[in-house]
Amino acid sequence: MPPPVSEPFAVPRWVRAVDIVCLLLVVVAGIVAMSGGFRLHIGAWRIAVTSPYPLLLWALAIGVVRQFSTTTAPVYRDLPPRVIGWWRLPAVPTAAAVIVGTRPAILLVGYLAVFVFGYAGGRAPLRHFDNELANLPVRWDAGWYLQIVTSGYSYVPGEPELQQNIVFFPAYPMLVRGVGRVLGGQMLGYTWGGLMLSLTAFFAALIYLFGLARETLDEDEARYTLWLIAAYPFALFFGAVYTESLFLLGATAAFYHFTKQQFGRAALWGLLVGLSRPNGFELSLPLVLLAVMGSGASFAARSKARRDELLKALAAAAMPCVGMLIYAAFIWHLTGDPLAWVAGHVAWGRRYQGYQGLAALVGHRYDIIANAGVGGYVASLPLDVLNGLGVVFVLATVWPVARRLGLAYAVFLLINILPPLAAGGLVSAGRFSSVLFPSFIWLAGAVPPRHRPGWIATFAALQALSAALFYTWRQLY
């Protein structure tokens, strides 16, 4: 991602902060005017925002005080040229084109599939609205996230086979709750607020991904990286009420700022990743590798400056683990067991078996192919094949990624694909592979320009198949 547009003149931070507060008040007032506002309780405090006029009056009052306090150009005059300059950066229009060119099409495929193929079993297992379009984002795990958004976390002790929402980490549902409350605080606002959040996070993640790709690729190849990841067969989750977009944003941003030695920003993004998904804490390992290899020094380095830099990097690298520990502390308070969220995955058929799990997975598939042939394997386990292709793609890129991007990126691939395989086989393996951005960076640089349309078309066709399965409540993973 290219550097941000620089300030044309020095502006005190408090002035810009006040300007932004005024602008946000006006934006929220507009949303309240359209949605009817929201009500919430924070302990004994009750907050109700049901009319846009108080917000507008506050914005006016703060703006008047600000104008009398300083003559610096207000944000509404300074912001437009800044936004125009930002939009002209190569990453931004490319990311916007990718979003507009892929996400509506996949949602349309899902919507049409509901009427063309119908629901598996004849009806939707979970429905919040009678309107099929309004209910479109309510699929599979989205129901769990919306449950957390509206009702919070709950736990029933002594029921290891009962699926419980504590296995879903809090960053995504809490952000959806914030967006949804601004959009009216009703289920429709939460549902489509979650979809908006996923698309916004995906847009920002694509901008960061462009910046990472430009470290090793030319501008044309970096653009192709964005199209590849958006066309990928399991990229439909970037436009669903799932955590994939948020995880991808946090991971790409953490890597980007880490490579720029902006450790404060990397730490914040790493913390977000640690609070986003159960495997988010594993991001610490590749970040530690970046810290150690990038510092050019060991812990015993004599240069104090190098030691200080290394310690800052290691502290930032630890933040994904800190995020996981924060959630574990909350679960400890809720259940009495800080690892109850780990044990809860057993109800989803996930039990970590280490090397034995991987060996059993490979051996079982080998036996099927040996006895029934490839055709028999595809006929008996077609979804297994689809998810397996995602695993093969990632594993095939590990070595070339290590050579071109570095060991840390290859380790990122391995720790995000092998442990899930050892715990649950190929269940959700394709979805997990969708966020492993180093594979797409390498592929974009390896595919000759004349072959690019073929890769995009193949990926997109398989994604349309995945979308048709997903939105009609047919098993995809």
Protein backbone atom coordinates (compact mmCIF):
# COMPACT_ATOMS: atom_id res chain seq x y z
CA MET A 1 0.00 0.00 0.00
CA PRO A 2 1.57 3.30 -1.01
CA PRO A 3 2.18 5.89 1.69
CA PRO A 4 -0.72 8.13 2.62
CA VAL A 5 -1.04 11.62 1.22
CA SER A 6 1.03 13.99 3.31
CA GLU A 7 -0.40 17.04 5.13
CA PRO A 8 -0.26 20.13 2.90
CA PHE A 9 0.27 22.20 6.01
CA ALA A 10 0.72 21.56 9.71
CA VAL A 11 -2.56 21.00 11.51
CA PRO A 12 -2.74 20.49 15.30
CA ARG A 13 -4.00 17.01 16.10
CA TRP A 14 -6.72 18.28 18.41
CA VAL A 15 -8.14 20.40 15.58
CA ARG A 16 -8.38 17.43 13.23
CA ALA A 17 -9.87 15.32 16.03
CA VAL A 18 -12.59 17.91 16.61
CA ASP A 19 -13.26 18.16 12.88
CA ILE A 20 -13.63 14.39 12.61
CA VAL A 21 -15.96 14.29 15.62
CA CYS A 22 -18.19 16.90 13.97
CA LEU A 23 -18.19 14.98 10.70
CA LEU A 24 -19.04 11.71 12.45
CA LEU A 25 -21.90 13.36 14.34
CA VAL A 26 -23.37 14.57 11.04
CA VAL A 27 -22.98 11.11 9.45
CA VAL A 28 -24.56 9.34 12.43
CA ALA A 29 -27.39 11.91 12.41
CA GLY A 30 -28.09 11.03 8.79
CA ILE A 31 -28.12 7.31 9.58
CA VAL A 32 -30.41 7.86 12.57
CA ALA A 33 -32.77 9.88 10.37
CA MET A 34 -33.02 6.92 7.97
CA SER A 35 -33.02 4.04 10.45
CA GLY A 36 -34.94 5.44 13.41
CA GLY A 37 -32.01 5.42 15.83
CA PHE A 38 -31.05 2.97 18.55
CA ARG A 39 -31.26 2.31 22.29
CA LEU A 40 -28.76 0.50 24.47
CA HIS A 41 -27.88 -0.09 28.12
CA ILE A 42 -24.35 0.11 29.56
CA GLY A 43 -24.66 -1.07 33.13
CA ALA A 44 -27.08 1.30 34.83
CA TRP A 45 -26.80 3.82 32.02
CA ARG A 46 -29.40 3.98 29.26
CA ILE A 47 -28.43 5.59 25.96
CA ALA A 48 -31.12 6.42 23.42
CA VAL A 49 -30.48 8.13 20.09
CA THR A 50 -33.76 8.28 18.17
CA SER A 51 -33.64 11.75 16.62
CA PRO A 52 -30.97 13.32 14.40
CA TYR A 53 -31.51 16.86 15.73
CA PRO A 54 -29.51 16.60 19.00
CA LEU A 55 -26.58 15.17 17.06
CA LEU A 56 -26.74 18.01 14.54
CA LEU A 57 -26.93 20.60 17.32
CA TRP A 58 -23.89 19.08 19.01
CA ALA A 59 -22.01 19.13 15.70
CA LEU A 60 -22.97 22.77 15.18
CA ALA A 61 -21.93 23.78 18.71
CA ILE A 62 -18.59 21.99 18.55
CA GLY A 63 -17.96 23.42 15.08
CA VAL A 64 -18.64 26.98 16.25
CA VAL A 65 -16.26 26.62 19.21
CA ARG A 66 -13.64 25.14 16.93
CA GLN A 67 -13.93 28.01 14.43
CA PHE A 68 -13.49 30.63 17.14
CA SER A 69 -10.53 28.73 18.61
CA THR A 70 -8.46 28.42 15.42
CA THR A 71 -8.48 29.66 11.82
CA THR A 72 -7.06 26.43 10.41
CA ALA A 73 -8.97 25.17 7.34
CA PRO A 74 -11.83 22.92 8.48
CA VAL A 75 -11.90 19.28 7.55
CA TYR A 76 -14.74 19.68 5.04
CA ARG A 77 -12.45 21.91 2.95
CA ASP A 78 -9.27 19.92 3.52
CA LEU A 79 -10.80 16.44 3.21
CA PRO A 80 -11.99 16.44 -0.47
CA PRO A 81 -8.53 17.03 -2.04
CA ARG A 82 -7.08 14.53 0.41
CA VAL A 83 -9.69 11.91 -0.58
CA ILE A 84 -9.06 12.61 -4.27
CA GLY A 85 -5.33 12.14 -3.76
CA TRP A 86 -5.96 8.92 -1.83
CA TRP A 87 -8.29 7.62 -4.55
CA ARG A 88 -5.59 8.17 -7.17
CA LEU A 89 -3.27 5.74 -5.43
CA PRO A 90 -3.14 2.55 -7.56
CA ALA A 91 -4.36 0.25 -4.77
CA VAL A 92 -7.63 2.07 -4.04
CA PRO A 93 -9.42 2.10 -7.42
CA THR A 94 -8.20 -1.45 -8.05
CA ALA A 95 -9.65 -2.66 -4.74
CA ALA A 96 -12.91 -0.84 -5.45
CA ALA A 97 -13.12 -2.39 -8.93
CA VAL A 98 -12.53 -5.85 -7.47
CA ILE A 99 -15.27 -5.38 -4.87
CA VAL A 100 -17.79 -4.05 -7.39
CA GLY A 101 -16.81 -6.63 -10.00
CA THR A 102 -17.09 -9.72 -7.79
CA ARG A 103 -19.18 -9.33 -4.61
CA PRO A 104 -22.56 -8.32 -6.12
CA ALA A 105 -22.24 -11.10 -8.71
CA ILE A 106 -21.70 -13.77 -6.05
CA LEU A 107 -24.61 -12.48 -3.97
CA LEU A 108 -26.76 -12.55 -7.11
CA VAL A 109 -25.75 -16.16 -7.78
CA GLY A 110 -26.73 -17.07 -4.23
CA TYR A 111 -30.04 -15.23 -4.48
CA LEU A 112 -30.94 -16.85 -7.81
CA ALA A 113 -29.88 -20.28 -6.55
CA VAL A 114 -32.51 -20.06 -3.81
CA PHE A 115 -35.23 -19.92 -6.48
CA VAL A 116 -33.61 -22.12 -9.13
CA PHE A 117 -32.47 -24.99 -6.89
CA GLY A 118 -34.43 -24.36 -3.70
CA TYR A 119 -33.28 -25.09 -0.18
CA ALA A 120 -31.81 -28.41 0.83
CA GLY A 121 -34.59 -30.21 2.68
CA GLY A 122 -37.19 -27.84 1.25
CA ARG A 123 -36.81 -25.00 3.76
CA ALA A 124 -34.18 -22.75 5.33
CA PRO A 125 -33.05 -24.10 8.73
CA LEU A 126 -32.70 -20.53 10.05
CA ARG A 127 -34.83 -17.60 8.97
CA HIS A 128 -35.05 -14.12 10.49
CA PHE A 129 -37.09 -12.56 7.68
CA ASP A 130 -39.72 -13.78 5.23
CA ASN A 131 -38.13 -11.79 2.41
CA GLU A 132 -35.49 -13.95 0.70
CA LEU A 133 -33.23 -11.00 -0.10
CA ALA A 134 -33.31 -9.69 3.47
CA ASN A 135 -32.60 -13.19 4.76
CA LEU A 136 -29.77 -13.87 2.27
CA PRO A 137 -26.86 -13.17 4.67
CA VAL A 138 -28.38 -15.48 7.33
CA ARG A 139 -26.51 -18.66 6.46
CA TRP A 140 -24.69 -21.28 8.52
CA ASP A 141 -22.28 -19.71 11.07
CA ALA A 142 -23.80 -16.28 10.47
CA GLY A 143 -26.58 -17.41 12.80
CA TRP A 144 -24.09 -17.93 15.62
CA TYR A 145 -22.52 -14.52 15.11
CA LEU A 146 -25.93 -12.83 15.05
CA GLN A 147 -26.86 -14.69 18.22
CA ILE A 148 -23.79 -13.23 19.95
CA VAL A 149 -24.57 -9.80 18.52
CA THR A 150 -28.13 -9.75 19.86
CA SER A 151 -27.92 -11.91 23.01
CA GLY A 152 -24.24 -12.11 23.97
CA TYR A 153 -22.31 -15.19 25.00
CA SER A 154 -23.90 -18.07 26.91
CA TYR A 155 -22.64 -21.34 28.30
CA VAL A 156 -24.28 -24.56 29.44
CA PRO A 157 -21.84 -26.55 31.65
CA GLY A 158 -21.51 -30.30 31.47
CA GLU A 159 -22.63 -30.58 27.83
CA PRO A 160 -19.50 -31.35 25.78
CA GLU A 161 -21.55 -32.45 22.75
CA LEU A 162 -23.66 -29.29 22.72
CA GLN A 163 -22.61 -26.66 20.20
CA GLN A 164 -22.13 -23.37 22.06
CA ASN A 165 -21.29 -19.87 20.88
CA ILE A 166 -18.18 -19.46 23.06
CA VAL A 167 -16.10 -21.01 20.25
CA PHE A 168 -16.66 -17.84 18.19
CA PHE A 169 -14.24 -15.04 19.08
CA PRO A 170 -15.61 -11.58 19.90
CA ALA A 171 -14.01 -9.01 17.57
CA TYR A 172 -16.32 -9.56 14.61
CA PRO A 173 -19.66 -9.85 16.47
CA MET A 174 -18.84 -6.84 18.65
CA LEU A 175 -18.08 -4.73 15.58
CA VAL A 176 -21.28 -5.97 13.94
CA ARG A 177 -23.18 -4.99 17.08
CA GLY A 178 -21.78 -1.46 16.86
CA VAL A 179 -22.63 -1.09 13.18
CA GLY A 180 -26.04 -2.67 13.63
CA ARG A 181 -27.01 -0.36 16.47
CA VAL A 182 -26.21 2.66 14.37
CA LEU A 183 -28.41 1.13 11.65
CA GLY A 184 -31.39 0.91 13.97
CA GLY A 185 -30.61 -1.78 16.52
CA GLN A 186 -32.97 -4.33 14.92
CA MET A 187 -32.17 -7.69 13.36
CA LEU A 188 -32.24 -6.27 9.82
CA GLY A 189 -29.67 -3.64 10.81
CA TYR A 190 -27.44 -6.25 12.45
CA THR A 191 -27.70 -8.66 9.51
CA TRP A 192 -26.94 -6.19 6.76
CA GLY A 193 -24.59 -4.26 9.03
CA GLY A 194 -22.55 -7.47 9.26
CA LEU A 195 -22.52 -7.75 5.49
CA MET A 196 -21.41 -4.11 5.16
CA LEU A 197 -18.68 -4.67 7.74
CA SER A 198 -17.38 -7.73 5.87
CA LEU A 199 -17.29 -5.89 2.55
CA THR A 200 -15.61 -2.83 4.07
CA ALA A 201 -12.99 -4.99 5.78
CA PHE A 202 -12.39 -6.86 2.53
CA PHE A 203 -11.92 -3.57 0.68
CA ALA A 204 -9.35 -2.39 3.23
CA ALA A 205 -7.64 -5.80 3.19
CA LEU A 206 -7.26 -5.61 -0.59
CA ILE A 207 -5.53 -2.24 -0.26
CA TYR A 208 -3.05 -3.69 2.23
CA LEU A 209 -2.61 -6.79 0.08
CA PHE A 210 -1.73 -4.58 -2.89
CA GLY A 211 0.95 -2.92 -0.78
CA LEU A 212 2.41 -6.27 0.28
CA ALA A 213 2.35 -7.58 -3.27
CA ARG A 214 4.20 -4.50 -4.53
CA GLU A 215 7.14 -5.47 -2.32
CA THR A 216 7.98 -8.30 -4.74
CA LEU A 217 5.74 -7.82 -7.81
CA ASP A 218 5.22 -5.07 -10.33
CA GLU A 219 2.04 -2.99 -10.31
CA ASP A 220 0.22 -5.09 -12.91
CA GLU A 221 0.95 -8.31 -11.00
CA ALA A 222 -0.17 -6.67 -7.75
CA ARG A 223 -3.50 -5.83 -9.36
CA TYR A 224 -3.82 -9.42 -10.54
CA THR A 225 -3.22 -10.61 -6.96
CA LEU A 226 -6.37 -8.81 -5.86
CA TRP A 227 -8.46 -10.33 -8.64
CA LEU A 228 -7.11 -13.80 -7.88
CA ILE A 229 -8.03 -13.74 -4.21
CA ALA A 230 -11.48 -12.26 -4.95
CA ALA A 231 -12.21 -14.89 -7.63
CA TYR A 232 -10.94 -17.81 -5.50
CA PRO A 233 -13.53 -20.59 -5.11
CA PHE A 234 -13.98 -19.90 -1.39
CA ALA A 235 -13.85 -16.10 -1.59
CA LEU A 236 -17.63 -15.99 -1.18
CA PHE A 237 -16.98 -15.77 2.59
CA PHE A 238 -15.51 -12.30 2.11
CA GLY A 239 -19.05 -11.15 1.36
CA ALA A 240 -20.76 -13.17 4.09
CA VAL A 241 -21.41 -12.57 7.79
CA TYR A 242 -18.21 -14.46 8.62
CA THR A 243 -14.81 -13.46 10.01
CA GLU A 244 -12.77 -14.07 6.85
CA SER A 245 -12.67 -10.43 5.76
CA LEU A 246 -11.71 -9.16 9.20
CA PHE A 247 -9.02 -11.80 9.64
CA LEU A 248 -7.58 -11.05 6.20
CA LEU A 249 -7.53 -7.33 6.99
CA GLY A 250 -5.82 -7.84 10.34
CA ALA A 251 -3.24 -10.27 8.97
CA THR A 252 -2.29 -8.24 5.88
CA ALA A 253 -2.18 -5.00 7.88
CA ALA A 254 -0.02 -6.57 10.60
CA PHE A 255 2.43 -7.93 8.03
CA TYR A 256 2.47 -4.64 6.11
CA HIS A 257 3.17 -2.41 9.10
CA PHE A 258 5.63 -4.91 10.54
CA THR A 259 7.70 -4.88 7.36
CA LYS A 260 7.67 -1.07 7.51
CA GLN A 261 8.83 -1.22 11.16
CA GLN A 262 5.64 0.54 12.25
CA PHE A 263 5.34 -1.67 15.31
CA GLY A 264 2.63 0.28 17.10
CA ARG A 265 0.20 -0.12 14.21
CA ALA A 266 1.25 -3.73 13.69
CA ALA A 267 0.54 -4.43 17.35
CA LEU A 268 -3.01 -3.06 17.10
CA TRP A 269 -3.78 -5.11 14.01
CA GLY A 270 -2.22 -8.18 15.61
CA LEU A 271 -4.42 -7.71 18.67
CA LEU A 272 -7.45 -7.59 16.38
CA VAL A 273 -6.40 -10.86 14.73
CA GLY A 274 -5.98 -12.49 18.15
CA LEU A 275 -9.54 -11.47 19.03
CA SER A 276 -11.00 -12.51 15.67
CA ARG A 277 -10.57 -16.27 15.38
CA PRO A 278 -9.41 -19.24 17.48
CA ASN A 279 -6.26 -19.59 15.39
CA GLY A 280 -5.55 -15.86 15.36
CA PHE A 281 -2.91 -16.13 18.07
CA GLU A 282 -0.78 -18.22 15.70
CA LEU A 283 0.03 -15.03 13.77
CA SER A 284 2.58 -14.32 16.50
CA LEU A 285 4.95 -16.99 15.15
CA PRO A 286 5.53 -15.54 11.66
CA LEU A 287 5.72 -12.05 13.16
CA VAL A 288 8.42 -13.23 15.56
CA LEU A 289 10.32 -14.63 12.57
CA LEU A 290 10.00 -11.27 10.82
CA ALA A 291 11.24 -9.53 13.96
CA VAL A 292 14.28 -11.75 14.43
CA MET A 293 15.28 -11.97 10.77
CA GLY A 294 14.50 -8.33 10.05
CA SER A 295 16.40 -6.98 13.01
CA GLY A 296 19.69 -8.42 11.85
CA ALA A 297 20.53 -9.04 15.47
CA SER A 298 19.99 -11.59 18.19
CA PHE A 299 18.94 -11.00 21.77
CA ALA A 300 22.61 -10.73 22.65
CA ALA A 301 23.29 -8.01 20.10
CA ARG A 302 25.65 -5.38 21.45
CA SER A 303 23.99 -2.42 19.79
CA LYS A 304 21.46 -0.94 22.20
CA ALA A 305 19.48 0.56 19.32
CA ARG A 306 19.17 -2.84 17.66
CA ARG A 307 18.13 -4.47 20.93
CA ASP A 308 15.49 -1.82 21.54
CA GLU A 309 14.17 -2.22 18.00
CA LEU A 310 14.05 -5.99 18.40
CA LEU A 311 12.20 -5.73 21.71
CA LYS A 312 9.61 -3.41 20.15
CA ALA A 313 9.16 -5.87 17.31
CA LEU A 314 8.79 -8.83 19.65
CA ALA A 315 6.28 -6.94 21.77
CA ALA A 316 4.21 -6.21 18.66
CA ALA A 317 4.54 -9.84 17.56
CA ALA A 318 3.11 -10.99 20.90
CA MET A 319 -0.15 -9.06 20.51
CA PRO A 320 -2.11 -11.80 18.69
CA CYS A 321 -1.42 -14.03 21.71
CA VAL A 322 -2.48 -11.20 24.01
CA GLY A 323 -5.79 -11.00 22.14
CA MET A 324 -6.37 -14.72 22.66
CA LEU A 325 -5.50 -14.41 26.37
CA ILE A 326 -7.97 -11.54 26.78
CA TYR A 327 -10.74 -13.71 25.39
CA ALA A 328 -9.60 -16.68 27.48
CA ALA A 329 -9.84 -14.49 30.59
CA PHE A 330 -13.40 -13.56 29.66
CA ILE A 331 -14.30 -17.22 29.09
CA TRP A 332 -12.71 -18.07 32.45
CA HIS A 333 -15.02 -15.53 34.09
CA LEU A 334 -18.02 -16.91 32.17
CA THR A 335 -17.39 -20.65 32.53
CA GLY A 336 -14.69 -21.16 35.16
CA ASP A 337 -12.42 -22.68 32.50
CA PRO A 338 -10.20 -20.39 30.38
CA LEU A 339 -9.93 -23.11 27.71
CA ALA A 340 -13.62 -23.91 27.45
CA TRP A 341 -13.61 -22.34 23.98
CA VAL A 342 -11.04 -24.95 22.93
CA ALA A 343 -13.03 -27.87 24.33
CA GLY A 344 -16.15 -26.49 22.68
CA HIS A 345 -14.82 -27.36 19.23
CA VAL A 346 -15.36 -31.05 19.99
CA ALA A 347 -19.09 -30.48 19.40
CA TRP A 348 -18.20 -29.39 15.85
CA GLY A 349 -16.24 -32.60 15.25
CA ARG A 350 -12.84 -31.04 15.87
CA ARG A 351 -10.38 -32.86 18.10
CA TYR A 352 -6.69 -32.16 17.60
CA GLN A 353 -4.79 -35.38 16.88
CA GLY A 354 -1.47 -34.01 15.68
CA TYR A 355 0.54 -36.11 13.25
CA GLN A 356 -1.82 -39.06 13.68
CA GLY A 357 -4.73 -36.94 12.46
CA LEU A 358 -2.87 -35.89 9.31
CA ALA A 359 -1.69 -39.46 8.66
CA ALA A 360 -5.23 -40.80 9.09
CA LEU A 361 -6.60 -38.15 6.74
CA VAL A 362 -4.10 -38.92 3.98
CA GLY A 363 -4.36 -42.69 4.50
CA HIS A 364 -8.15 -42.70 4.33
CA ARG A 365 -8.23 -40.73 1.07
CA TYR A 366 -5.49 -42.89 -0.39
CA ASP A 367 -7.48 -46.05 0.39
CA ILE A 368 -10.57 -44.63 -1.36
CA ILE A 369 -8.60 -43.71 -4.48
CA ALA A 370 -6.75 -47.05 -4.48
CA ASN A 371 -10.00 -49.00 -4.35
CA ALA A 372 -12.44 -46.81 -6.29
CA GLY A 373 -10.14 -44.66 -8.39
CA VAL A 374 -10.17 -40.90 -8.70
CA GLY A 375 -13.62 -41.00 -10.26
CA GLY A 376 -14.97 -43.01 -7.36
CA TYR A 377 -13.43 -40.58 -4.88
CA VAL A 378 -15.01 -37.59 -6.63
CA ALA A 379 -18.37 -39.34 -6.86
CA SER A 380 -18.44 -40.38 -3.21
CA LEU A 381 -16.92 -37.25 -1.62
CA PRO A 382 -17.31 -34.31 -4.05
CA LEU A 383 -17.19 -31.61 -1.34
CA ASP A 384 -14.16 -33.31 0.14
CA VAL A 385 -12.48 -32.94 -3.25
CA LEU A 386 -13.44 -29.26 -3.50
CA ASN A 387 -11.99 -28.46 -0.07
CA GLY A 388 -9.00 -30.69 -0.76
CA LEU A 389 -8.14 -28.65 -3.84
CA GLY A 390 -7.81 -25.59 -1.59
CA VAL A 391 -5.42 -27.49 0.68
CA VAL A 392 -3.34 -28.76 -2.25
CA PHE A 393 -3.14 -25.23 -3.64
CA VAL A 394 -1.80 -23.82 -0.38
CA LEU A 395 0.64 -26.65 0.32
CA ALA A 396 1.96 -26.51 -3.24
CA THR A 397 2.84 -22.84 -2.78
CA VAL A 398 4.66 -23.16 0.56
CA TRP A 399 8.14 -23.72 -0.89
CA PRO A 400 7.94 -21.08 -3.66
CA VAL A 401 6.46 -18.61 -1.16
CA ALA A 402 9.40 -19.24 1.19
CA ARG A 403 11.84 -18.59 -1.63
CA ARG A 404 10.17 -15.46 -3.00
CA LEU A 405 8.56 -13.82 0.04
CA GLY A 406 10.50 -15.29 2.95
CA LEU A 407 10.25 -17.95 5.64
CA ALA A 408 7.75 -16.00 7.77
CA TYR A 409 5.16 -16.03 4.98
CA ALA A 410 5.60 -19.77 4.42
CA VAL A 411 5.20 -20.43 8.13
CA PHE A 412 2.02 -18.35 8.07
CA LEU A 413 0.65 -20.75 5.45
CA LEU A 414 1.62 -23.90 7.34
CA ILE A 415 0.30 -22.90 10.76
CA ASN A 416 -3.04 -21.88 9.27
CA ILE A 417 -3.62 -25.05 7.23
CA LEU A 418 -1.96 -28.02 8.99
CA PRO A 419 -3.46 -27.71 12.52
CA PRO A 420 -7.06 -27.50 11.18
CA LEU A 421 -6.37 -30.58 9.04
CA ALA A 422 -5.05 -32.44 12.07
CA ALA A 423 -8.11 -31.48 14.12
CA GLY A 424 -11.01 -31.73 11.71
CA GLY A 425 -9.78 -33.16 8.44
CA LEU A 426 -10.99 -31.29 5.37
CA VAL A 427 -13.93 -29.69 7.18
CA SER A 428 -13.83 -25.95 6.31
CA ALA A 429 -10.37 -26.40 4.78
CA GLY A 430 -11.28 -24.44 1.65
CA ARG A 431 -12.61 -21.55 3.72
CA PHE A 432 -9.44 -21.51 5.79
CA SER A 433 -7.32 -21.41 2.64
CA SER A 434 -9.12 -18.31 1.32
CA VAL A 435 -7.31 -15.93 3.71
CA LEU A 436 -3.79 -17.26 3.08
CA PHE A 437 -2.70 -14.27 1.01
CA PRO A 438 0.98 -15.23 0.43
CA SER A 439 -0.17 -18.02 -1.89
CA PHE A 440 -2.02 -15.52 -4.07
CA ILE A 441 0.92 -13.12 -4.17
CA TRP A 442 3.18 -15.90 -5.40
CA LEU A 443 0.62 -17.18 -7.92
CA ALA A 444 0.12 -13.69 -9.37
CA GLY A 445 3.83 -13.46 -10.05
CA ALA A 446 4.08 -17.00 -11.46
CA VAL A 447 1.15 -16.99 -13.91
CA PRO A 448 2.07 -15.63 -17.38
CA PRO A 449 -0.14 -12.72 -18.51
CA ARG A 450 -1.73 -14.74 -21.32
CA HIS A 451 -2.94 -17.36 -18.81
CA ARG A 452 -4.47 -14.94 -16.32
CA PRO A 453 -8.01 -14.87 -17.77
CA GLY A 454 -8.13 -18.67 -17.59
CA TRP A 455 -7.20 -18.74 -13.92
CA ILE A 456 -9.74 -16.04 -13.07
CA ALA A 457 -12.49 -17.79 -15.06
CA THR A 458 -11.79 -21.17 -13.43
CA PHE A 459 -11.67 -19.71 -9.94
CA ALA A 460 -14.86 -17.71 -10.52
CA ALA A 461 -16.77 -20.71 -11.89
CA LEU A 462 -15.92 -22.76 -8.82
CA GLN A 463 -16.84 -19.83 -6.57
CA ALA A 464 -20.24 -19.63 -8.24
CA LEU A 465 -20.71 -23.34 -7.49
CA SER A 466 -19.68 -22.76 -3.87
CA ALA A 467 -22.07 -19.83 -3.58
CA ALA A 468 -24.98 -21.86 -4.95
CA LEU A 469 -24.30 -24.57 -2.36
CA PHE A 470 -23.77 -22.15 0.51
CA TYR A 471 -26.83 -19.96 -0.01
CA THR A 472 -29.19 -22.90 -0.55
CA TRP A 473 -28.07 -24.48 2.74
CA ARG A 474 -26.25 -27.33 1.04
CA GLN A 475 -23.12 -28.60 2.72
CA LEU A 476 -20.02 -26.83 1.44
CA TYR A 477 -17.54 -27.93 4.08
